[in-house]
Amino acid sequence: RYTFVRTPEFPEKGLFEIRDEKDYPVLYSAIMEDVDILITGDKDFAGVEIDHPEIMTPAAFLERFKE
């Protein structure tokens, strides 16, 4: 199951560090909306160290959850 989440126009800064500042609202929204997994192919997310949500590539997601 997937869920669409709302991205605030002005997310609170300083919650985590990410190389590309344009990616900050994406992860901020995932954290605030309490998603379990963020699926992205953007390598800037790979360097972010957070406990939740889990950040996965599409390939890793498919490998883990294939039937």
PDB file of N, CA and C in Angstrom:
ATOM      1  N   ARG A   1       0.841  -1.169   0.000  1.00  0.00           N
ATOM      2  CA  ARG A   1       0.000   0.000   0.000  1.00  0.00           C
ATOM      3  C   ARG A   1       0.888   1.235   0.000  1.00  0.00           C
ATOM      4  N   TYR A   2       0.513   2.235  -0.709  1.00  0.00           N
ATOM      5  CA  TYR A   2       1.264   3.482  -0.726  1.00  0.00           C
ATOM      6  C   TYR A   2       0.352   4.631  -0.322  1.00  0.00           C
ATOM      7  N   THR A   3       0.972   5.707   0.098  1.00  0.00           N
ATOM      8  CA  THR A   3       0.229   6.869   0.562  1.00  0.00           C
ATOM      9  C   THR A   3       0.862   8.123  -0.018  1.00  0.00           C
ATOM     10  N   PHE A   4       0.016   9.033  -0.466  1.00  0.00           N
ATOM     11  CA  PHE A   4       0.499  10.345  -0.866  1.00  0.00           C
ATOM     12  C   PHE A   4       0.556  11.216   0.374  1.00  0.00           C
ATOM     13  N   VAL A   5       1.611  12.001   0.494  1.00  0.00           N
ATOM     14  CA  VAL A   5       1.741  12.885   1.654  1.00  0.00           C
ATOM     15  C   VAL A   5       1.892  14.325   1.184  1.00  0.00           C
ATOM     16  N   ARG A   6       1.565  15.221   2.061  1.00  0.00           N
ATOM     17  CA  ARG A   6       1.622  16.643   1.766  1.00  0.00           C
ATOM     18  C   ARG A   6       3.002  17.189   2.134  1.00  0.00           C
ATOM     19  N   THR A   7       3.559  17.994   1.263  1.00  0.00           N
ATOM     20  CA  THR A   7       4.826  18.657   1.544  1.00  0.00           C
ATOM     21  C   THR A   7       4.531  20.101   1.910  1.00  0.00           C
ATOM     22  N   PRO A   8       4.929  20.528   3.106  1.00  0.00           N
ATOM     23  CA  PRO A   8       4.664  21.910   3.502  1.00  0.00           C
ATOM     24  C   PRO A   8       5.466  22.892   2.647  1.00  0.00           C
ATOM     25  N   GLU A   9       4.930  24.062   2.487  1.00  0.00           N
ATOM     26  CA  GLU A   9       5.607  25.080   1.684  1.00  0.00           C
ATOM     27  C   GLU A   9       6.924  25.513   2.341  1.00  0.00           C
ATOM     28  N   PHE A  10       6.936  25.571   3.675  1.00  0.00           N
ATOM     29  CA  PHE A  10       8.127  25.992   4.413  1.00  0.00           C
ATOM     30  C   PHE A  10       8.465  24.971   5.495  1.00  0.00           C
ATOM     31  N   PRO A  11       9.163  23.879   5.129  1.00  0.00           N
ATOM     32  CA  PRO A  11       9.515  22.872   6.136  1.00  0.00           C
ATOM     33  C   PRO A  11      10.511  23.423   7.151  1.00  0.00           C
ATOM     34  N   GLU A  12      10.409  22.931   8.371  1.00  0.00           N
ATOM     35  CA  GLU A  12      11.336  23.320   9.440  1.00  0.00           C
ATOM     36  C   GLU A  12      12.741  22.846   9.078  1.00  0.00           C
ATOM     37  N   LYS A  13      13.698  23.719   9.152  1.00  0.00           N
ATOM     38  CA  LYS A  13      15.083  23.383   8.790  1.00  0.00           C
ATOM     39  C   LYS A  13      15.818  22.740   9.960  1.00  0.00           C
ATOM     40  N   GLY A  14      16.885  22.001   9.655  1.00  0.00           N
ATOM     41  CA  GLY A  14      17.784  21.468  10.658  1.00  0.00           C
ATOM     42  C   GLY A  14      17.428  20.113  11.232  1.00  0.00           C
ATOM     43  N   LEU A  15      16.427  19.446  10.685  1.00  0.00           N
ATOM     44  CA  LEU A  15      16.023  18.141  11.203  1.00  0.00           C
ATOM     45  C   LEU A  15      17.053  17.059  10.856  1.00  0.00           C
ATOM     46  N   PHE A  16      17.718  17.208   9.711  1.00  0.00           N
ATOM     47  CA  PHE A  16      18.741  16.276   9.241  1.00  0.00           C
ATOM     48  C   PHE A  16      19.573  17.009   8.199  1.00  0.00           C
ATOM     49  N   GLU A  17      20.678  16.416   7.798  1.00  0.00           N
ATOM     50  CA  GLU A  17      21.549  17.004   6.778  1.00  0.00           C
ATOM     51  C   GLU A  17      21.443  16.194   5.496  1.00  0.00           C
ATOM     52  N   ILE A  18      21.345  16.910   4.363  1.00  0.00           N
ATOM     53  CA  ILE A  18      21.315  16.265   3.051  1.00  0.00           C
ATOM     54  C   ILE A  18      22.062  17.161   2.077  1.00  0.00           C
ATOM     55  N   ARG A  19      22.794  16.564   1.169  1.00  0.00           N
ATOM     56  CA  ARG A  19      23.640  17.335   0.254  1.00  0.00           C
ATOM     57  C   ARG A  19      22.844  18.321  -0.592  1.00  0.00           C
ATOM     58  N   ASP A  20      21.803  17.863  -1.235  1.00  0.00           N
ATOM     59  CA  ASP A  20      21.007  18.723  -2.119  1.00  0.00           C
ATOM     60  C   ASP A  20      19.837  19.309  -1.345  1.00  0.00           C
ATOM     61  N   GLU A  21      19.855  20.600  -1.111  1.00  0.00           N
ATOM     62  CA  GLU A  21      18.804  21.248  -0.322  1.00  0.00           C
ATOM     63  C   GLU A  21      17.413  21.104  -0.938  1.00  0.00           C
ATOM     64  N   LYS A  22      17.337  20.858  -2.239  1.00  0.00           N
ATOM     65  CA  LYS A  22      16.031  20.667  -2.887  1.00  0.00           C
ATOM     66  C   LYS A  22      15.395  19.337  -2.487  1.00  0.00           C
ATOM     67  N   ASP A  23      16.194  18.401  -1.981  1.00  0.00           N
ATOM     68  CA  ASP A  23      15.672  17.113  -1.519  1.00  0.00           C
ATOM     69  C   ASP A  23      15.156  17.173  -0.084  1.00  0.00           C
ATOM     70  N   TYR A  24      15.527  18.211   0.634  1.00  0.00           N
ATOM     71  CA  TYR A  24      15.144  18.324   2.046  1.00  0.00           C
ATOM     72  C   TYR A  24      13.628  18.216   2.253  1.00  0.00           C
ATOM     73  N   PRO A  25      12.797  18.950   1.486  1.00  0.00           N
ATOM     74  CA  PRO A  25      11.345  18.852   1.712  1.00  0.00           C
ATOM     75  C   PRO A  25      10.770  17.460   1.494  1.00  0.00           C
ATOM     76  N   VAL A  26      11.378  16.684   0.613  1.00  0.00           N
ATOM     77  CA  VAL A  26      10.890  15.331   0.336  1.00  0.00           C
ATOM     78  C   VAL A  26      11.032  14.455   1.582  1.00  0.00           C
ATOM     79  N   LEU A  27      12.228  14.422   2.143  1.00  0.00           N
ATOM     80  CA  LEU A  27      12.461  13.597   3.325  1.00  0.00           C
ATOM     81  C   LEU A  27      11.762  14.181   4.550  1.00  0.00           C
ATOM     82  N   TYR A  28      11.730  15.484   4.654  1.00  0.00           N
ATOM     83  CA  TYR A  28      11.021  16.136   5.764  1.00  0.00           C
ATOM     84  C   TYR A  28       9.550  15.688   5.777  1.00  0.00           C
ATOM     85  N   SER A  29       8.927  15.688   4.611  1.00  0.00           N
ATOM     86  CA  SER A  29       7.519  15.272   4.509  1.00  0.00           C
ATOM     87  C   SER A  29       7.340  13.816   4.917  1.00  0.00           C
ATOM     88  N   ALA A  30       8.261  12.962   4.477  1.00  0.00           N
ATOM     89  CA  ALA A  30       8.175  11.542   4.830  1.00  0.00           C
ATOM     90  C   ALA A  30       8.283  11.351   6.337  1.00  0.00           C
ATOM     91  N   ILE A  31       9.165  12.107   6.975  1.00  0.00           N
ATOM     92  CA  ILE A  31       9.321  12.014   8.424  1.00  0.00           C
ATOM     93  C   ILE A  31       8.064  12.521   9.133  1.00  0.00           C
ATOM     94  N   MET A  32       7.584  13.686   8.753  1.00  0.00           N
ATOM     95  CA  MET A  32       6.428  14.299   9.421  1.00  0.00           C
ATOM     96  C   MET A  32       5.146  13.491   9.224  1.00  0.00           C
ATOM     97  N   GLU A  33       5.018  12.827   8.076  1.00  0.00           N
ATOM     98  CA  GLU A  33       3.815  12.042   7.785  1.00  0.00           C
ATOM     99  C   GLU A  33       3.961  10.587   8.242  1.00  0.00           C
ATOM    100  N   ASP A  34       5.098  10.264   8.868  1.00  0.00           N
ATOM    101  CA  ASP A  34       5.355   8.951   9.454  1.00  0.00           C
ATOM    102  C   ASP A  34       5.262   7.801   8.446  1.00  0.00           C
ATOM    103  N   VAL A  35       5.849   8.011   7.261  1.00  0.00           N
ATOM    104  CA  VAL A  35       5.889   6.911   6.295  1.00  0.00           C
ATOM    105  C   VAL A  35       6.905   5.879   6.757  1.00  0.00           C
ATOM    106  N   ASP A  36       6.736   4.647   6.354  1.00  0.00           N
ATOM    107  CA  ASP A  36       7.644   3.576   6.757  1.00  0.00           C
ATOM    108  C   ASP A  36       8.862   3.477   5.854  1.00  0.00           C
ATOM    109  N   ILE A  37       8.640   3.637   4.536  1.00  0.00           N
ATOM    110  CA  ILE A  37       9.728   3.481   3.570  1.00  0.00           C
ATOM    111  C   ILE A  37       9.644   4.603   2.542  1.00  0.00           C
ATOM    112  N   LEU A  38      10.765   5.232   2.291  1.00  0.00           N
ATOM    113  CA  LEU A  38      10.879   6.216   1.213  1.00  0.00           C
ATOM    114  C   LEU A  38      11.642   5.532   0.086  1.00  0.00           C
ATOM    115  N   ILE A  39      11.006   5.395  -1.070  1.00  0.00           N
ATOM    116  CA  ILE A  39      11.632   4.732  -2.212  1.00  0.00           C
ATOM    117  C   ILE A  39      12.136   5.810  -3.159  1.00  0.00           C
ATOM    118  N   THR A  40      13.441   5.797  -3.407  1.00  0.00           N
ATOM    119  CA  THR A  40      14.029   6.808  -4.273  1.00  0.00           C
ATOM    120  C   THR A  40      15.295   6.285  -4.930  1.00  0.00           C
ATOM    121  N   GLY A  41      15.523   6.737  -6.127  1.00  0.00           N
ATOM    122  CA  GLY A  41      16.759   6.416  -6.825  1.00  0.00           C
ATOM    123  C   GLY A  41      17.795   7.524  -6.683  1.00  0.00           C
ATOM    124  N   ASP A  42      17.441   8.594  -5.986  1.00  0.00           N
ATOM    125  CA  ASP A  42      18.325   9.742  -5.789  1.00  0.00           C
ATOM    126  C   ASP A  42      19.417   9.378  -4.785  1.00  0.00           C
ATOM    127  N   LYS A  43      20.658   9.386  -5.234  1.00  0.00           N
ATOM    128  CA  LYS A  43      21.779   8.959  -4.384  1.00  0.00           C
ATOM    129  C   LYS A  43      22.053   9.918  -3.229  1.00  0.00           C
ATOM    130  N   ASP A  44      21.543  11.139  -3.276  1.00  0.00           N
ATOM    131  CA  ASP A  44      21.733  12.073  -2.159  1.00  0.00           C
ATOM    132  C   ASP A  44      21.075  11.562  -0.880  1.00  0.00           C
ATOM    133  N   PHE A  45      20.031  10.780  -1.006  1.00  0.00           N
ATOM    134  CA  PHE A  45      19.344  10.246   0.168  1.00  0.00           C
ATOM    135  C   PHE A  45      20.153   9.131   0.845  1.00  0.00           C
ATOM    136  N   ALA A  46      21.035   8.489   0.100  1.00  0.00           N
ATOM    137  CA  ALA A  46      21.821   7.376   0.650  1.00  0.00           C
ATOM    138  C   ALA A  46      22.745   7.832   1.777  1.00  0.00           C
ATOM    139  N   GLY A  47      23.166   9.079   1.761  1.00  0.00           N
ATOM    140  CA  GLY A  47      24.073   9.572   2.776  1.00  0.00           C
ATOM    141  C   GLY A  47      23.397  10.088   4.036  1.00  0.00           C
ATOM    142  N   VAL A  48      22.069  10.090   4.059  1.00  0.00           N
ATOM    143  CA  VAL A  48      21.332  10.610   5.208  1.00  0.00           C
ATOM    144  C   VAL A  48      21.213   9.516   6.266  1.00  0.00           C
ATOM    145  N   GLU A  49      21.553   9.861   7.494  1.00  0.00           N
ATOM    146  CA  GLU A  49      21.483   8.888   8.585  1.00  0.00           C
ATOM    147  C   GLU A  49      20.300   9.211   9.495  1.00  0.00           C
ATOM    148  N   ILE A  50      19.218   8.457   9.324  1.00  0.00           N
ATOM    149  CA  ILE A  50      18.026   8.586  10.162  1.00  0.00           C
ATOM    150  C   ILE A  50      17.509   7.180  10.457  1.00  0.00           C
ATOM    151  N   ASP A  51      16.734   7.054  11.513  1.00  0.00           N
ATOM    152  CA  ASP A  51      16.161   5.750  11.867  1.00  0.00           C
ATOM    153  C   ASP A  51      14.882   5.452  11.101  1.00  0.00           C
ATOM    154  N   HIS A  52      14.087   6.485  10.865  1.00  0.00           N
ATOM    155  CA  HIS A  52      12.765   6.281  10.256  1.00  0.00           C
ATOM    156  C   HIS A  52      12.414   7.495   9.430  1.00  0.00           C
ATOM    157  N   PRO A  53      11.988   7.345   8.215  1.00  0.00           N
ATOM    158  CA  PRO A  53      11.675   6.121   7.495  1.00  0.00           C
ATOM    159  C   PRO A  53      12.934   5.441   6.953  1.00  0.00           C
ATOM    160  N   GLU A  54      12.762   4.205   6.568  1.00  0.00           N
ATOM    161  CA  GLU A  54      13.837   3.495   5.882  1.00  0.00           C
ATOM    162  C   GLU A  54      13.899   4.036   4.462  1.00  0.00           C
ATOM    163  N   ILE A  55      15.095   4.331   3.986  1.00  0.00           N
ATOM    164  CA  ILE A  55      15.280   4.853   2.634  1.00  0.00           C
ATOM    165  C   ILE A  55      15.811   3.719   1.775  1.00  0.00           C
ATOM    166  N   MET A  56      15.077   3.407   0.685  1.00  0.00           N
ATOM    167  CA  MET A  56      15.438   2.281  -0.171  1.00  0.00           C
ATOM    168  C   MET A  56      15.413   2.691  -1.639  1.00  0.00           C
ATOM    169  N   THR A  57      16.263   2.045  -2.424  1.00  0.00           N
ATOM    170  CA  THR A  57      16.192   2.216  -3.875  1.00  0.00           C
ATOM    171  C   THR A  57      15.019   1.377  -4.382  1.00  0.00           C
ATOM    172  N   PRO A  58      14.518   1.686  -5.583  1.00  0.00           N
ATOM    173  CA  PRO A  58      13.454   0.844  -6.141  1.00  0.00           C
ATOM    174  C   PRO A  58      13.878  -0.626  -6.255  1.00  0.00           C
ATOM    175  N   ALA A  59      15.118  -0.869  -6.657  1.00  0.00           N
ATOM    176  CA  ALA A  59      15.589  -2.256  -6.799  1.00  0.00           C
ATOM    177  C   ALA A  59      15.612  -2.970  -5.455  1.00  0.00           C
ATOM    178  N   ALA A  60      16.086  -2.297  -4.408  1.00  0.00           N
ATOM    179  CA  ALA A  60      16.121  -2.913  -3.081  1.00  0.00           C
ATOM    180  C   ALA A  60      14.717  -3.195  -2.560  1.00  0.00           C
ATOM    181  N   PHE A  61      13.798  -2.290  -2.831  1.00  0.00           N
ATOM    182  CA  PHE A  61      12.407  -2.483  -2.416  1.00  0.00           C
ATOM    183  C   PHE A  61      11.804  -3.705  -3.095  1.00  0.00           C
ATOM    184  N   LEU A  62      11.991  -3.803  -4.414  1.00  0.00           N
ATOM    185  CA  LEU A  62      11.445  -4.941  -5.157  1.00  0.00           C
ATOM    186  C   LEU A  62      12.067  -6.248  -4.701  1.00  0.00           C
ATOM    187  N   GLU A  63      13.357  -6.233  -4.430  1.00  0.00           N
ATOM    188  CA  GLU A  63      14.024  -7.455  -3.970  1.00  0.00           C
ATOM    189  C   GLU A  63      13.471  -7.906  -2.619  1.00  0.00           C
ATOM    190  N   ARG A  64      13.273  -6.986  -1.717  1.00  0.00           N
ATOM    191  CA  ARG A  64      12.796  -7.356  -0.386  1.00  0.00           C
ATOM    192  C   ARG A  64      11.336  -7.788  -0.383  1.00  0.00           C
ATOM    193  N   PHE A  65      10.513  -7.158  -1.195  1.00  0.00           N
ATOM    194  CA  PHE A  65       9.075  -7.407  -1.104  1.00  0.00           C
ATOM    195  C   PHE A  65       8.484  -8.173  -2.285  1.00  0.00           C
ATOM    196  N   LYS A  66       9.351  -8.773  -3.104  1.00  0.00           N
ATOM    197  CA  LYS A  66       8.805  -9.572  -4.215  1.00  0.00           C
ATOM    198  C   LYS A  66       8.099 -10.785  -3.654  1.00  0.00           C
ATOM    199  N   GLU A  67       7.131 -11.265  -4.398  1.00  0.00           N
ATOM    200  CA  GLU A  67       6.338 -12.407  -3.918  1.00  0.00           C
ATOM    201  C   GLU A  67       6.969 -13.714  -4.285  1.00  0.00           C
TER     202      GLU A  67
END
